[in-house]
Every structure is written in structure tokens, then in C-alpha cells.
Amino acid sequence: MKDTLTDIALPVAAIALSLVLFGGFVWFAGVSPVDVWVLLFKGAFGDWFSWQNTLQRAAPLMLTALCVAIPARAGLVIIGGEGAMVLGGLACAALPYVITPPANILGTALVCAAGAVAGALWIMLAGFLRQFRGINETISSLLLAYVAVGLFKHWVEGPLRDPASLNKPSTLALNEGLRIGGIAGSDIHWGLVLGIVACLALGVWLKWTASGFAVRVVGGNPRTAQLVGLPASRLVLLACAVGGACAGLAGAVEVAAVHTSANASLIAGYGYAGILVAFIARHNPLAVIPVAILFGGFGAAGSLLQRRLGLPDASVMVLQGMAFVLILASEALRDVDWKAFWARLAKGAGPSGAQVSMGDKIA
């Protein structure tokens, strides 16, 4: 129970402190922090229109966060979800160039599956390089993301370009029957449901299945996994494939539900924002859902800050950056025995003694 409260309290405190720091940041720009805080939450959750924008942005965040969270449970730090996402969107838009999917729900499933497969293969490449070539997966996945963006631009602006797209190169638009519509006529598309289902399913998989438990063992104690004979490399590749498939599906959903074609608008930074969501959720697929909604709301409020207060639309990126730094810092405090720390100070142990105590606890 205590660990659960800590898991909740530290991220909440980090987000609250980031909002305070962000208020100070805009205050130096001559804007009232209170006005910024009010508009942030009004733009995210103030009315039905705001909720639609928030939930529309939350859908890809959930899926790209899983691209970080699932490999993390196997002991990997994958930050290249942006690459898997853009290639997933490209594969979704490119499939009709190769075959003619039926213009119904089966065809929609096929183009989305193409995106998931592309994302899975791309992130598996980072896992393969780590397991069989000893290349750090954090660096390789980040560099692969840049490679993926380059490939995306090459195909969209070259072989797959729609001749009718003049100012903004894009692929041919998906057939109307292949697109993902809104829920009950709203702007909230069914990709949100896919994201929630993916989070719930993977949460159950990790906690209640033998393969999910094996992935957690590999990530938590590789030595134990080796002693009991678990196929560590295979499980790592499985975790990378699952995470990459989620990011690829995010790209496919953005194409099929929002943009209708693959174009530069798909490179919106959802893959990088998903890193923040995953870390705040502590790589728990179930916790990804509310965190993605919160940060989807912050993203949706960016335009309101620009219209009402004259702040740049990208100012919310500063807020996200502050939150990320504070979340990382809070992890260092997670295992500190604060009761013993304050007791030591009260006994006059002095700063050096207190620092040694904290270091010992963190280690």
C-alpha cells in the first residue's frame, strides 16, 4: 500500500511542481501565471470541444507510450517511438499502392495491421542490435527514429507522392471506406478505444500471463532469468515487437482517422511525448491511460494560450520538458527512508551524515 501511494504521490508532486515552475517561466514573459494555469485546464477539460481535442491527442500518446513502457519491462530504454510511428503511418498509406483492401472494416483492419507490422519490425531492429551486437538500444533507437523520418520523407515526397499535392507533399488519400470514423458523430475517433484496449490488454498480459511474467523477470533480474533458463533474447525481441507494433498502430490511426494520407503533419512529436507519458506512468500500461489524457489536454491547450495570452503554441513543450526532468529527479528519491533521514538530522548528524544516509538508501 505504501509503495502504491509513493508511486502516485511522486509523479503528482512532480507535475504540480512543473506547473509552478512553468508559471514562473511565463511570469518572466510578462504573463500572469494564474491566467496560464486557468487556460491550461480550460483548454484541456473546460468544455466538450476541449475534451474532444484532448482525447483525440491522447489516443496516439497512449500507443507511443506503450512503445517505451513494454520494452522497459524487459530492461530496455527505447526512445525511438517517433520512428516507428511515422513508418506505421507510411505503411498504412502505402498498402493500397500494393493491394486493394476491401472498403470496409476488414480493409481498415488491414491498413492498421500494416502500420503495426512496420512499427514492430523497426523497434525489433533496436532490440536485435542490443542483444546480438551489444549496441546500446537507447542510442540506436533514437538514431533509427531519424532514419525513419528520412525514409518517410523520401517515399512521401518521391515514389508515393500524389501529383495533386503541390504545396504539401503527401500520398494518395485513403479510400473513404478505409478510414476510421468518429465515435457517435464526435471528433473523438475510434483510435482512442484502440489505445485504451491496448493498455488494458498489455496490463493484463504483463501481470497475469506466463510470458508477461517472463518478460518482467528478464527486465528485473537478467541473472535470475539466465539461471532458470528463460530465452532472454527471444523475450526482449517480443517486448520490442509489441511496443513497436503499438507505435506503428498509432501512426496508422493518425493516417486513417485524422490526416487521411501520409504527410509531414504525421511528424508531430507524439513519439517523443510518449516517452514522458511512459516515465510518469512508471511503465505501467494501466497508468498510461490517465497520464496520456492529462498530457493530451496540455497539448490541446497550447493553441488557447497562443490566442488568449500571446504565448507561442509550443510553450507547452517547455512544461513537458520541466515535467520530464522532475520525474527523473523524483526517481532518485523513491527509495529514500525519509523518516530515518529527518531523525538523523534531528540528532545532529550534520549535512555530510545526511548525505551518506541518502546515498546509501538510493544505492
Foldseek 3Di string as FASTA:
>chain_A
DVLVCLLPVQLVVLLVVLLVVLQVVVVVVVDHSVVVVVLLCCCCPVDPVNVLLLLQQLLLLLLLLLLQLLLLLLAAGALQLLLLLLQLLQQLQCVCVPPNAPLAVRLLVVSLQSLLQSQLVLLLVLLCCCPPVVDRSHVVSNVSSVVSVVVSCCCQVPVQWDPVDDPWGWGDFDDPSNAFEPDPPGLNTCSSVVSQVLLVVLLCCLPPHPLNVLSNCNNPPVVVSVVVPHPSSVSSSVSNSSSRSSSSSSNSNCCRRPVRTNTPVSSPCSSNLSNLLNLSLVSRSNSSNVSSSSVSSSLSSLVVCCVPVVDHSCSSVSSSVSSSVSSVVSLLVSQQPVVVLVVCVVVPVDPVSSVVSSVVRSD
